[in-house]
Amino acid sequence: LFDVNDDDYSELSIQKCLKVALCSVAANDPNSIVPLLEGFPTDIEAQVYLHLQAVIANGSFFATHLLKLLDAPLVLECGVQGVEWLAFAEASRAAIPYLSDEARVKIETLVLN
């Protein structure tokens, strides 16, 4: 009945489903996802990526959450292979309009260093 080798059941497909679900909830009911994000570690690449996806999905709500991720060791390296920095760039673009000048400087400093 189910072919476990089928692409629909691959690890990548499962990760994509998690990302889509998280982004949908982050966009539509962000308060409900805060406890989940608080439980995600920030030293595991896939978890940091999901943190950033929440920011991308709802920059106004999760703008300050991005600031909490600036010290995460993998925050600039957790995206798709070849463009690992892209998730952070997209999260920054989504959050920056809702951040103070001081917060923006922190992001710029991280990127430039």
PDB file of N, CA and C in Angstrom:
ATOM      1  N   LEU A   1       0.819  -1.203   0.000  1.00  0.00           N
ATOM      2  CA  LEU A   1       0.000   0.000   0.000  1.00  0.00           C
ATOM      3  C   LEU A   1       0.860   1.264   0.000  1.00  0.00           C
ATOM      4  N   PHE A   2       1.847   1.347   0.888  1.00  0.00           N
ATOM      5  CA  PHE A   2       2.733   2.500   0.934  1.00  0.00           C
ATOM      6  C   PHE A   2       4.123   2.083   0.515  1.00  0.00           C
ATOM      7  N   ASP A   3       4.706   2.844  -0.377  1.00  0.00           N
ATOM      8  CA  ASP A   3       6.078   2.599  -0.787  1.00  0.00           C
ATOM      9  C   ASP A   3       6.964   3.546   0.017  1.00  0.00           C
ATOM     10  N   VAL A   4       7.727   3.021   0.963  1.00  0.00           N
ATOM     11  CA  VAL A   4       8.544   3.874   1.829  1.00  0.00           C
ATOM     12  C   VAL A   4       9.663   4.559   1.067  1.00  0.00           C
ATOM     13  N   ASN A   5       9.954   4.099  -0.128  1.00  0.00           N
ATOM     14  CA  ASN A   5      10.966   4.750  -0.949  1.00  0.00           C
ATOM     15  C   ASN A   5      10.367   5.864  -1.802  1.00  0.00           C
ATOM     16  N   ASP A   6       9.065   6.005  -1.767  1.00  0.00           N
ATOM     17  CA  ASP A   6       8.395   7.036  -2.537  1.00  0.00           C
ATOM     18  C   ASP A   6       8.805   8.407  -2.023  1.00  0.00           C
ATOM     19  N   ASP A   7       8.958   9.385  -2.929  1.00  0.00           N
ATOM     20  CA  ASP A   7       9.381  10.730  -2.555  1.00  0.00           C
ATOM     21  C   ASP A   7       8.451  11.384  -1.541  1.00  0.00           C
ATOM     22  N   ASP A   8       7.170  11.010  -1.538  1.00  0.00           N
ATOM     23  CA  ASP A   8       6.231  11.609  -0.594  1.00  0.00           C
ATOM     24  C   ASP A   8       6.573  11.274   0.853  1.00  0.00           C
ATOM     25  N   TYR A   9       7.367  10.237   1.056  1.00  0.00           N
ATOM     26  CA  TYR A   9       7.704   9.817   2.415  1.00  0.00           C
ATOM     27  C   TYR A   9       9.177   9.982   2.714  1.00  0.00           C
ATOM     28  N   SER A  10       9.873  10.716   1.894  1.00  0.00           N
ATOM     29  CA  SER A  10      11.300  10.928   2.125  1.00  0.00           C
ATOM     30  C   SER A  10      11.486  11.897   3.286  1.00  0.00           C
ATOM     31  N   GLU A  11      12.667  11.872   3.826  1.00  0.00           N
ATOM     32  CA  GLU A  11      12.989  12.774   4.939  1.00  0.00           C
ATOM     33  C   GLU A  11      12.805  14.222   4.509  1.00  0.00           C
ATOM     34  N   LEU A  12      13.213  14.548   3.304  1.00  0.00           N
ATOM     35  CA  LEU A  12      13.079  15.907   2.798  1.00  0.00           C
ATOM     36  C   LEU A  12      11.616  16.317   2.723  1.00  0.00           C
ATOM     37  N   SER A  13      10.764  15.416   2.284  1.00  0.00           N
ATOM     38  CA  SER A  13       9.343  15.702   2.183  1.00  0.00           C
ATOM     39  C   SER A  13       8.742  15.945   3.564  1.00  0.00           C
ATOM     40  N   ILE A  14       9.140  15.161   4.534  1.00  0.00           N
ATOM     41  CA  ILE A  14       8.642  15.336   5.902  1.00  0.00           C
ATOM     42  C   ILE A  14       9.100  16.684   6.452  1.00  0.00           C
ATOM     43  N   GLN A  15      10.353  17.051   6.202  1.00  0.00           N
ATOM     44  CA  GLN A  15      10.852  18.345   6.657  1.00  0.00           C
ATOM     45  C   GLN A  15      10.083  19.483   5.999  1.00  0.00           C
ATOM     46  N   LYS A  16       9.780  19.320   4.722  1.00  0.00           N
ATOM     47  CA  LYS A  16       9.021  20.353   4.016  1.00  0.00           C
ATOM     48  C   LYS A  16       7.629  20.492   4.613  1.00  0.00           C
ATOM     49  N   CYS A  17       6.996  19.381   4.938  1.00  0.00           N
ATOM     50  CA  CYS A  17       5.669  19.428   5.568  1.00  0.00           C
ATOM     51  C   CYS A  17       5.722  20.128   6.915  1.00  0.00           C
ATOM     52  N   LEU A  18       6.745  19.849   7.708  1.00  0.00           N
ATOM     53  CA  LEU A  18       6.910  20.529   8.997  1.00  0.00           C
ATOM     54  C   LEU A  18       7.072  22.024   8.800  1.00  0.00           C
ATOM     55  N   LYS A  19       7.871  22.402   7.825  1.00  0.00           N
ATOM     56  CA  LYS A  19       8.092  23.816   7.544  1.00  0.00           C
ATOM     57  C   LYS A  19       6.792  24.491   7.133  1.00  0.00           C
ATOM     58  N   VAL A  20       6.049  23.877   6.231  1.00  0.00           N
ATOM     59  CA  VAL A  20       4.791  24.451   5.750  1.00  0.00           C
ATOM     60  C   VAL A  20       3.800  24.597   6.903  1.00  0.00           C
ATOM     61  N   ALA A  21       3.692  23.579   7.734  1.00  0.00           N
ATOM     62  CA  ALA A  21       2.766  23.632   8.867  1.00  0.00           C
ATOM     63  C   ALA A  21       3.173  24.725   9.853  1.00  0.00           C
ATOM     64  N   LEU A  22       4.453  24.785  10.184  1.00  0.00           N
ATOM     65  CA  LEU A  22       4.933  25.786  11.122  1.00  0.00           C
ATOM     66  C   LEU A  22       4.684  27.185  10.577  1.00  0.00           C
ATOM     67  N   CYS A  23       4.962  27.400   9.309  1.00  0.00           N
ATOM     68  CA  CYS A  23       4.768  28.720   8.706  1.00  0.00           C
ATOM     69  C   CYS A  23       3.299  29.112   8.688  1.00  0.00           C
ATOM     70  N   SER A  24       2.439  28.163   8.435  1.00  0.00           N
ATOM     71  CA  SER A  24       1.003  28.449   8.428  1.00  0.00           C
ATOM     72  C   SER A  24       0.524  28.877   9.809  1.00  0.00           C
ATOM     73  N   VAL A  25       0.939  28.159  10.812  1.00  0.00           N
ATOM     74  CA  VAL A  25       0.531  28.520  12.177  1.00  0.00           C
ATOM     75  C   VAL A  25       1.181  29.845  12.596  1.00  0.00           C
ATOM     76  N   ALA A  26       2.439  30.037  12.260  1.00  0.00           N
ATOM     77  CA  ALA A  26       3.131  31.281  12.606  1.00  0.00           C
ATOM     78  C   ALA A  26       2.431  32.481  11.978  1.00  0.00           C
ATOM     79  N   ALA A  27       1.936  32.316  10.772  1.00  0.00           N
ATOM     80  CA  ALA A  27       1.265  33.409  10.076  1.00  0.00           C
ATOM     81  C   ALA A  27      -0.139  33.662  10.612  1.00  0.00           C
ATOM     82  N   ASN A  28      -0.832  32.595  10.996  1.00  0.00           N
ATOM     83  CA  ASN A  28      -2.257  32.725  11.332  1.00  0.00           C
ATOM     84  C   ASN A  28      -2.601  32.690  12.814  1.00  0.00           C
ATOM     85  N   ASP A  29      -1.761  32.083  13.618  1.00  0.00           N
ATOM     86  CA  ASP A  29      -2.012  31.983  15.055  1.00  0.00           C
ATOM     87  C   ASP A  29      -0.672  31.973  15.790  1.00  0.00           C
ATOM     88  N   PRO A  30       0.085  33.054  15.665  1.00  0.00           N
ATOM     89  CA  PRO A  30       1.469  33.054  16.165  1.00  0.00           C
ATOM     90  C   PRO A  30       1.612  32.792  17.658  1.00  0.00           C
ATOM     91  N   ASN A  31       0.658  33.231  18.462  1.00  0.00           N
ATOM     92  CA  ASN A  31       0.764  32.988  19.902  1.00  0.00           C
ATOM     93  C   ASN A  31       0.819  31.502  20.232  1.00  0.00           C
ATOM     94  N   SER A  32       0.138  30.703  19.437  1.00  0.00           N
ATOM     95  CA  SER A  32       0.096  29.274  19.733  1.00  0.00           C
ATOM     96  C   SER A  32       1.414  28.566  19.438  1.00  0.00           C
ATOM     97  N   ILE A  33       2.260  29.167  18.647  1.00  0.00           N
ATOM     98  CA  ILE A  33       3.506  28.505  18.279  1.00  0.00           C
ATOM     99  C   ILE A  33       4.684  28.951  19.151  1.00  0.00           C
ATOM    100  N   VAL A  34       4.501  29.995  19.930  1.00  0.00           N
ATOM    101  CA  VAL A  34       5.586  30.493  20.783  1.00  0.00           C
ATOM    102  C   VAL A  34       6.123  29.409  21.728  1.00  0.00           C
ATOM    103  N   PRO A  35       5.265  28.656  22.435  1.00  0.00           N
ATOM    104  CA  PRO A  35       5.812  27.605  23.314  1.00  0.00           C
ATOM    105  C   PRO A  35       6.622  26.550  22.548  1.00  0.00           C
ATOM    106  N   LEU A  36       6.197  26.234  21.354  1.00  0.00           N
ATOM    107  CA  LEU A  36       6.948  25.275  20.540  1.00  0.00           C
ATOM    108  C   LEU A  36       8.323  25.825  20.203  1.00  0.00           C
ATOM    109  N   LEU A  37       8.383  27.058  19.751  1.00  0.00           N
ATOM    110  CA  LEU A  37       9.668  27.665  19.410  1.00  0.00           C
ATOM    111  C   LEU A  37      10.576  27.787  20.631  1.00  0.00           C
ATOM    112  N   GLU A  38       9.984  28.095  21.768  1.00  0.00           N
ATOM    113  CA  GLU A  38      10.791  28.200  22.987  1.00  0.00           C
ATOM    114  C   GLU A  38      11.417  26.865  23.352  1.00  0.00           C
ATOM    115  N   GLY A  39      10.810  25.761  22.932  1.00  0.00           N
ATOM    116  CA  GLY A  39      11.355  24.438  23.194  1.00  0.00           C
ATOM    117  C   GLY A  39      12.391  23.986  22.177  1.00  0.00           C
ATOM    118  N   PHE A  40      12.457  24.665  21.039  1.00  0.00           N
ATOM    119  CA  PHE A  40      13.438  24.308  20.019  1.00  0.00           C
ATOM    120  C   PHE A  40      14.823  24.796  20.431  1.00  0.00           C
ATOM    121  N   PRO A  41      15.814  23.936  20.376  1.00  0.00           N
ATOM    122  CA  PRO A  41      17.180  24.385  20.660  1.00  0.00           C
ATOM    123  C   PRO A  41      17.674  25.303  19.542  1.00  0.00           C
ATOM    124  N   THR A  42      18.679  26.084  19.850  1.00  0.00           N
ATOM    125  CA  THR A  42      19.247  26.974  18.839  1.00  0.00           C
ATOM    126  C   THR A  42      20.662  26.555  18.461  1.00  0.00           C
ATOM    127  N   ASP A  43      21.003  25.309  18.757  1.00  0.00           N
ATOM    128  CA  ASP A  43      22.320  24.806  18.367  1.00  0.00           C
ATOM    129  C   ASP A  43      22.212  23.621  17.404  1.00  0.00           C
ATOM    130  N   ILE A  44      21.027  23.428  16.854  1.00  0.00           N
ATOM    131  CA  ILE A  44      20.790  22.377  15.866  1.00  0.00           C
ATOM    132  C   ILE A  44      20.300  23.074  14.597  1.00  0.00           C
ATOM    133  N   GLU A  45      20.986  22.809  13.499  1.00  0.00           N
ATOM    134  CA  GLU A  45      20.719  23.515  12.246  1.00  0.00           C
ATOM    135  C   GLU A  45      19.245  23.507  11.845  1.00  0.00           C
ATOM    136  N   ALA A  46      18.621  22.350  11.846  1.00  0.00           N
ATOM    137  CA  ALA A  46      17.224  22.256  11.407  1.00  0.00           C
ATOM    138  C   ALA A  46      16.296  23.044  12.322  1.00  0.00           C
ATOM    139  N   GLN A  47      16.589  23.070  13.601  1.00  0.00           N
ATOM    140  CA  GLN A  47      15.747  23.808  14.554  1.00  0.00           C
ATOM    141  C   GLN A  47      15.895  25.311  14.358  1.00  0.00           C
ATOM    142  N   VAL A  48      17.128  25.777  14.148  1.00  0.00           N
ATOM    143  CA  VAL A  48      17.346  27.208  13.895  1.00  0.00           C
ATOM    144  C   VAL A  48      16.634  27.615  12.608  1.00  0.00           C
ATOM    145  N   TYR A  49      16.691  26.746  11.620  1.00  0.00           N
ATOM    146  CA  TYR A  49      15.995  27.004  10.352  1.00  0.00           C
ATOM    147  C   TYR A  49      14.495  27.192  10.589  1.00  0.00           C
ATOM    148  N   LEU A  50      13.899  26.363  11.427  1.00  0.00           N
ATOM    149  CA  LEU A  50      12.469  26.500  11.714  1.00  0.00           C
ATOM    150  C   LEU A  50      12.172  27.790  12.481  1.00  0.00           C
ATOM    151  N   HIS A  51      13.064  28.164  13.389  1.00  0.00           N
ATOM    152  CA  HIS A  51      12.913  29.464  14.065  1.00  0.00           C
ATOM    153  C   HIS A  51      12.846  30.578  13.011  1.00  0.00           C
ATOM    154  N   LEU A  52      13.782  30.555  12.072  1.00  0.00           N
ATOM    155  CA  LEU A  52      13.834  31.592  11.047  1.00  0.00           C
ATOM    156  C   LEU A  52      12.609  31.563  10.148  1.00  0.00           C
ATOM    157  N   GLN A  53      12.089  30.376   9.875  1.00  0.00           N
ATOM    158  CA  GLN A  53      10.894  30.273   9.045  1.00  0.00           C
ATOM    159  C   GLN A  53       9.697  30.929   9.727  1.00  0.00           C
ATOM    160  N   ALA A  54       9.616  30.831  11.031  1.00  0.00           N
ATOM    161  CA  ALA A  54       8.532  31.506  11.762  1.00  0.00           C
ATOM    162  C   ALA A  54       8.653  33.018  11.603  1.00  0.00           C
ATOM    163  N   VAL A  55       9.877  33.529  11.684  1.00  0.00           N
ATOM    164  CA  VAL A  55      10.096  34.969  11.501  1.00  0.00           C
ATOM    165  C   VAL A  55       9.706  35.379  10.077  1.00  0.00           C
ATOM    166  N   ILE A  56      10.097  34.579   9.100  1.00  0.00           N
ATOM    167  CA  ILE A  56       9.759  34.879   7.707  1.00  0.00           C
ATOM    168  C   ILE A  56       8.240  34.903   7.519  1.00  0.00           C
ATOM    169  N   ALA A  57       7.557  33.975   8.139  1.00  0.00           N
ATOM    170  CA  ALA A  57       6.104  33.862   7.985  1.00  0.00           C
ATOM    171  C   ALA A  57       5.346  35.015   8.627  1.00  0.00           C
ATOM    172  N   ASN A  58       5.914  35.593   9.688  1.00  0.00           N
ATOM    173  CA  ASN A  58       5.205  36.654  10.410  1.00  0.00           C
ATOM    174  C   ASN A  58       6.226  37.595  11.046  1.00  0.00           C
ATOM    175  N   GLY A  59       6.836  38.401  10.203  1.00  0.00           N
ATOM    176  CA  GLY A  59       7.898  39.305  10.648  1.00  0.00           C
ATOM    177  C   GLY A  59       7.465  40.283  11.714  1.00  0.00           C
ATOM    178  N   SER A  60       6.246  40.750  11.645  1.00  0.00           N
ATOM    179  CA  SER A  60       5.801  41.724  12.645  1.00  0.00           C
ATOM    180  C   SER A  60       5.697  41.094  14.036  1.00  0.00           C
ATOM    181  N   PHE A  61       5.182  39.888  14.108  1.00  0.00           N
ATOM    182  CA  PHE A  61       5.017  39.223  15.403  1.00  0.00           C
ATOM    183  C   PHE A  61       6.347  38.694  15.934  1.00  0.00           C
ATOM    184  N   PHE A  62       7.170  38.118  15.060  1.00  0.00           N
ATOM    185  CA  PHE A  62       8.392  37.444  15.492  1.00  0.00           C
ATOM    186  C   PHE A  62       9.660  38.279  15.312  1.00  0.00           C
ATOM    187  N   ALA A  63       9.519  39.574  15.080  1.00  0.00           N
ATOM    188  CA  ALA A  63      10.696  40.427  14.869  1.00  0.00           C
ATOM    189  C   ALA A  63      11.672  40.349  16.049  1.00  0.00           C
ATOM    190  N   THR A  64      11.168  40.474  17.253  1.00  0.00           N
ATOM    191  CA  THR A  64      12.073  40.421  18.404  1.00  0.00           C
ATOM    192  C   THR A  64      12.609  39.011  18.633  1.00  0.00           C
ATOM    193  N   HIS A  65      11.900  38.013  18.153  1.00  0.00           N
ATOM    194  CA  HIS A  65      12.397  36.634  18.252  1.00  0.00           C
ATOM    195  C   HIS A  65      13.685  36.481  17.441  1.00  0.00           C
ATOM    196  N   LEU A  66      13.764  37.183  16.312  1.00  0.00           N
ATOM    197  CA  LEU A  66      14.983  37.132  15.508  1.00  0.00           C
ATOM    198  C   LEU A  66      16.184  37.606  16.320  1.00  0.00           C
ATOM    199  N   LEU A  67      15.990  38.618  17.132  1.00  0.00           N
ATOM    200  CA  LEU A  67      17.097  39.135  17.947  1.00  0.00           C
ATOM    201  C   LEU A  67      17.618  38.077  18.915  1.00  0.00           C
ATOM    202  N   LYS A  68      16.744  37.230  19.406  1.00  0.00           N
ATOM    203  CA  LYS A  68      17.163  36.159  20.318  1.00  0.00           C
ATOM    204  C   LYS A  68      18.024  35.118  19.608  1.00  0.00           C
ATOM    205  N   LEU A  69      17.910  35.071  18.292  1.00  0.00           N
ATOM    206  CA  LEU A  69      18.653  34.077  17.520  1.00  0.00           C
ATOM    207  C   LEU A  69      20.031  34.563  17.086  1.00  0.00           C
ATOM    208  N   LEU A  70      20.332  35.822  17.303  1.00  0.00           N
ATOM    209  CA  LEU A  70      21.591  36.368  16.807  1.00  0.00           C
ATOM    210  C   LEU A  70      22.817  35.684  17.400  1.00  0.00           C
ATOM    211  N   ASP A  71      22.691  35.141  18.591  1.00  0.00           N
ATOM    212  CA  ASP A  71      23.816  34.436  19.223  1.00  0.00           C
ATOM    213  C   ASP A  71      23.849  32.951  18.893  1.00  0.00           C
ATOM    214  N   ALA A  72      22.864  32.462  18.176  1.00  0.00           N
ATOM    215  CA  ALA A  72      22.847  31.047  17.798  1.00  0.00           C
ATOM    216  C   ALA A  72      24.011  30.786  16.841  1.00  0.00           C
ATOM    217  N   PRO A  73      24.818  29.778  17.137  1.00  0.00           N
ATOM    218  CA  PRO A  73      26.025  29.552  16.336  1.00  0.00           C
ATOM    219  C   PRO A  73      25.763  29.242  14.863  1.00  0.00           C
ATOM    220  N   LEU A  74      24.581  28.756  14.533  1.00  0.00           N
ATOM    221  CA  LEU A  74      24.301  28.347  13.159  1.00  0.00           C
ATOM    222  C   LEU A  74      23.342  29.276  12.428  1.00  0.00           C
ATOM    223  N   VAL A  75      23.065  30.429  12.999  1.00  0.00           N
ATOM    224  CA  VAL A  75      22.020  31.286  12.438  1.00  0.00           C
ATOM    225  C   VAL A  75      22.317  31.729  11.004  1.00  0.00           C
ATOM    226  N   LEU A  76      23.574  31.847  10.645  1.00  0.00           N
ATOM    227  CA  LEU A  76      23.927  32.246   9.281  1.00  0.00           C
ATOM    228  C   LEU A  76      24.217  31.052   8.381  1.00  0.00           C
ATOM    229  N   GLU A  77      24.086  29.850   8.917  1.00  0.00           N
ATOM    230  CA  GLU A  77      24.495  28.654   8.176  1.00  0.00           C
ATOM    231  C   GLU A  77      23.435  27.561   8.161  1.00  0.00           C
ATOM    232  N   CYS A  78      22.201  27.902   8.352  1.00  0.00           N
ATOM    233  CA  CYS A  78      21.188  26.853   8.525  1.00  0.00           C
ATOM    234  C   CYS A  78      20.219  26.734   7.363  1.00  0.00           C
ATOM    235  N   GLY A  79      20.511  27.357   6.263  1.00  0.00           N
ATOM    236  CA  GLY A  79      19.599  27.298   5.136  1.00  0.00           C
ATOM    237  C   GLY A  79      19.901  26.149   4.196  1.00  0.00           C
ATOM    238  N   VAL A  80      19.330  26.229   3.045  1.00  0.00           N
ATOM    239  CA  VAL A  80      19.493  25.218   2.017  1.00  0.00           C
ATOM    240  C   VAL A  80      20.947  25.195   1.540  1.00  0.00           C
ATOM    241  N   GLN A  81      21.446  24.012   1.271  1.00  0.00           N
ATOM    242  CA  GLN A  81      22.837  23.861   0.861  1.00  0.00           C
ATOM    243  C   GLN A  81      23.141  24.748  -0.349  1.00  0.00           C
ATOM    244  N   GLY A  82      24.218  25.484  -0.241  1.00  0.00           N
ATOM    245  CA  GLY A  82      24.632  26.389  -1.304  1.00  0.00           C
ATOM    246  C   GLY A  82      24.218  27.827  -1.054  1.00  0.00           C
ATOM    247  N   VAL A  83      23.144  27.998  -0.315  1.00  0.00           N
ATOM    248  CA  VAL A  83      22.672  29.339   0.063  1.00  0.00           C
ATOM    249  C   VAL A  83      22.279  29.319   1.542  1.00  0.00           C
ATOM    250  N   GLU A  84      23.185  28.842   2.357  1.00  0.00           N
ATOM    251  CA  GLU A  84      22.911  28.653   3.784  1.00  0.00           C
ATOM    252  C   GLU A  84      22.488  29.939   4.482  1.00  0.00           C
ATOM    253  N   TRP A  85      22.947  31.063   3.997  1.00  0.00           N
ATOM    254  CA  TRP A  85      22.679  32.370   4.584  1.00  0.00           C
ATOM    255  C   TRP A  85      21.285  32.896   4.251  1.00  0.00           C
ATOM    256  N   LEU A  86      20.632  32.327   3.248  1.00  0.00           N
ATOM    257  CA  LEU A  86      19.389  32.888   2.717  1.00  0.00           C
ATOM    258  C   LEU A  86      18.249  32.926   3.735  1.00  0.00           C
ATOM    259  N   ALA A  87      18.116  31.908   4.558  1.00  0.00           N
ATOM    260  CA  ALA A  87      17.032  31.907   5.554  1.00  0.00           C
ATOM    261  C   ALA A  87      17.185  33.084   6.511  1.00  0.00           C
ATOM    262  N   PHE A  88      18.414  33.354   6.942  1.00  0.00           N
ATOM    263  CA  PHE A  88      18.637  34.495   7.828  1.00  0.00           C
ATOM    264  C   PHE A  88      18.348  35.805   7.100  1.00  0.00           C
ATOM    265  N   ALA A  89      18.765  35.901   5.852  1.00  0.00           N
ATOM    266  CA  ALA A  89      18.521  37.126   5.076  1.00  0.00           C
ATOM    267  C   ALA A  89      17.021  37.376   4.922  1.00  0.00           C
ATOM    268  N   GLU A  90      16.269  36.329   4.620  1.00  0.00           N
ATOM    269  CA  GLU A  90      14.822  36.480   4.456  1.00  0.00           C
ATOM    270  C   GLU A  90      14.141  36.824   5.779  1.00  0.00           C
ATOM    271  N   ALA A  91      14.601  36.211   6.865  1.00  0.00           N
ATOM    272  CA  ALA A  91      14.043  36.527   8.183  1.00  0.00           C
ATOM    273  C   ALA A  91      14.357  37.974   8.561  1.00  0.00           C
ATOM    274  N   SER A  92      15.554  38.409   8.263  1.00  0.00           N
ATOM    275  CA  SER A  92      15.935  39.795   8.559  1.00  0.00           C
ATOM    276  C   SER A  92      15.067  40.763   7.759  1.00  0.00           C
ATOM    277  N   ARG A  93      14.874  40.458   6.490  1.00  0.00           N
ATOM    278  CA  ARG A  93      14.050  41.320   5.636  1.00  0.00           C
ATOM    279  C   ARG A  93      12.615  41.404   6.177  1.00  0.00           C
ATOM    280  N   ALA A  94      12.094  40.294   6.692  1.00  0.00           N
ATOM    281  CA  ALA A  94      10.739  40.282   7.228  1.00  0.00           C
ATOM    282  C   ALA A  94      10.634  41.033   8.553  1.00  0.00           C
ATOM    283  N   ALA A  95      11.687  41.000   9.345  1.00  0.00           N
ATOM    284  CA  ALA A  95      11.633  41.565  10.696  1.00  0.00           C
ATOM    285  C   ALA A  95      12.096  43.018  10.779  1.00  0.00           C
ATOM    286  N   ILE A  96      13.042  43.418   9.962  1.00  0.00           N
ATOM    287  CA  ILE A  96      13.665  44.740  10.095  1.00  0.00           C
ATOM    288  C   ILE A  96      12.663  45.898  10.127  1.00  0.00           C
ATOM    289  N   PRO A  97      11.614  45.898   9.327  1.00  0.00           N
ATOM    290  CA  PRO A  97      10.678  47.035   9.409  1.00  0.00           C
ATOM    291  C   PRO A  97      10.029  47.209  10.786  1.00  0.00           C
ATOM    292  N   TYR A  98      10.073  46.195  11.609  1.00  0.00           N
ATOM    293  CA  TYR A  98       9.412  46.238  12.923  1.00  0.00           C
ATOM    294  C   TYR A  98      10.400  46.385  14.079  1.00  0.00           C
ATOM    295  N   LEU A  99      11.662  46.589  13.751  1.00  0.00           N
ATOM    296  CA  LEU A  99      12.701  46.674  14.779  1.00  0.00           C
ATOM    297  C   LEU A  99      13.206  48.105  14.930  1.00  0.00           C
ATOM    298  N   SER A 100      13.747  48.375  16.099  1.00  0.00           N
ATOM    299  CA  SER A 100      14.348  49.684  16.360  1.00  0.00           C
ATOM    300  C   SER A 100      15.663  49.812  15.585  1.00  0.00           C
ATOM    301  N   ASP A 101      16.149  51.027  15.487  1.00  0.00           N
ATOM    302  CA  ASP A 101      17.444  51.250  14.829  1.00  0.00           C
ATOM    303  C   ASP A 101      18.552  50.484  15.535  1.00  0.00           C
ATOM    304  N   GLU A 102      18.491  50.443  16.855  1.00  0.00           N
ATOM    305  CA  GLU A 102      19.498  49.715  17.634  1.00  0.00           C
ATOM    306  C   GLU A 102      19.484  48.221  17.292  1.00  0.00           C
ATOM    307  N   ALA A 103      18.316  47.656  17.170  1.00  0.00           N
ATOM    308  CA  ALA A 103      18.194  46.240  16.813  1.00  0.00           C
ATOM    309  C   ALA A 103      18.696  45.988  15.396  1.00  0.00           C
ATOM    310  N   ARG A 104      18.400  46.899  14.501  1.00  0.00           N
ATOM    311  CA  ARG A 104      18.882  46.767  13.121  1.00  0.00           C
ATOM    312  C   ARG A 104      20.402  46.757  13.071  1.00  0.00           C
ATOM    313  N   VAL A 105      21.015  47.594  13.894  1.00  0.00           N
ATOM    314  CA  VAL A 105      22.482  47.648  13.940  1.00  0.00           C
ATOM    315  C   VAL A 105      23.050  46.311  14.397  1.00  0.00           C
ATOM    316  N   LYS A 106      22.382  45.650  15.323  1.00  0.00           N
ATOM    317  CA  LYS A 106      22.852  44.334  15.790  1.00  0.00           C
ATOM    318  C   LYS A 106      22.850  43.334  14.634  1.00  0.00           C
ATOM    319  N   ILE A 107      21.818  43.369  13.837  1.00  0.00           N
ATOM    320  CA  ILE A 107      21.744  42.454  12.682  1.00  0.00           C
ATOM    321  C   ILE A 107      22.838  42.797  11.676  1.00  0.00           C
ATOM    322  N   GLU A 108      22.989  44.059  11.372  1.00  0.00           N
ATOM    323  CA  GLU A 108      24.015  44.489  10.424  1.00  0.00           C
ATOM    324  C   GLU A 108      25.407  44.106  10.910  1.00  0.00           C
ATOM    325  N   THR A 109      25.649  44.268  12.192  1.00  0.00           N
ATOM    326  CA  THR A 109      26.960  43.931  12.759  1.00  0.00           C
ATOM    327  C   THR A 109      27.235  42.436  12.601  1.00  0.00           C
ATOM    328  N   LEU A 110      26.248  41.606  12.869  1.00  0.00           N
ATOM    329  CA  LEU A 110      26.428  40.167  12.704  1.00  0.00           C
ATOM    330  C   LEU A 110      26.777  39.831  11.262  1.00  0.00           C
ATOM    331  N   VAL A 111      26.054  40.417  10.337  1.00  0.00           N
ATOM    332  CA  VAL A 111      26.273  40.112   8.920  1.00  0.00           C
ATOM    333  C   VAL A 111      27.654  40.598   8.460  1.00  0.00           C
ATOM    334  N   LEU A 112      28.035  41.769   8.877  1.00  0.00           N
ATOM    335  CA  LEU A 112      29.298  42.336   8.411  1.00  0.00           C
ATOM    336  C   LEU A 112      30.518  41.713   9.065  1.00  0.00           C
ATOM    337  N   ASN A 113      30.322  41.091  10.227  1.00  0.00           N
ATOM    338  CA  ASN A 113      31.471  40.449  10.889  1.00  0.00           C
ATOM    339  C   ASN A 113      31.528  39.020  10.445  1.00  0.00           C
TER     340      ASN A 113
END
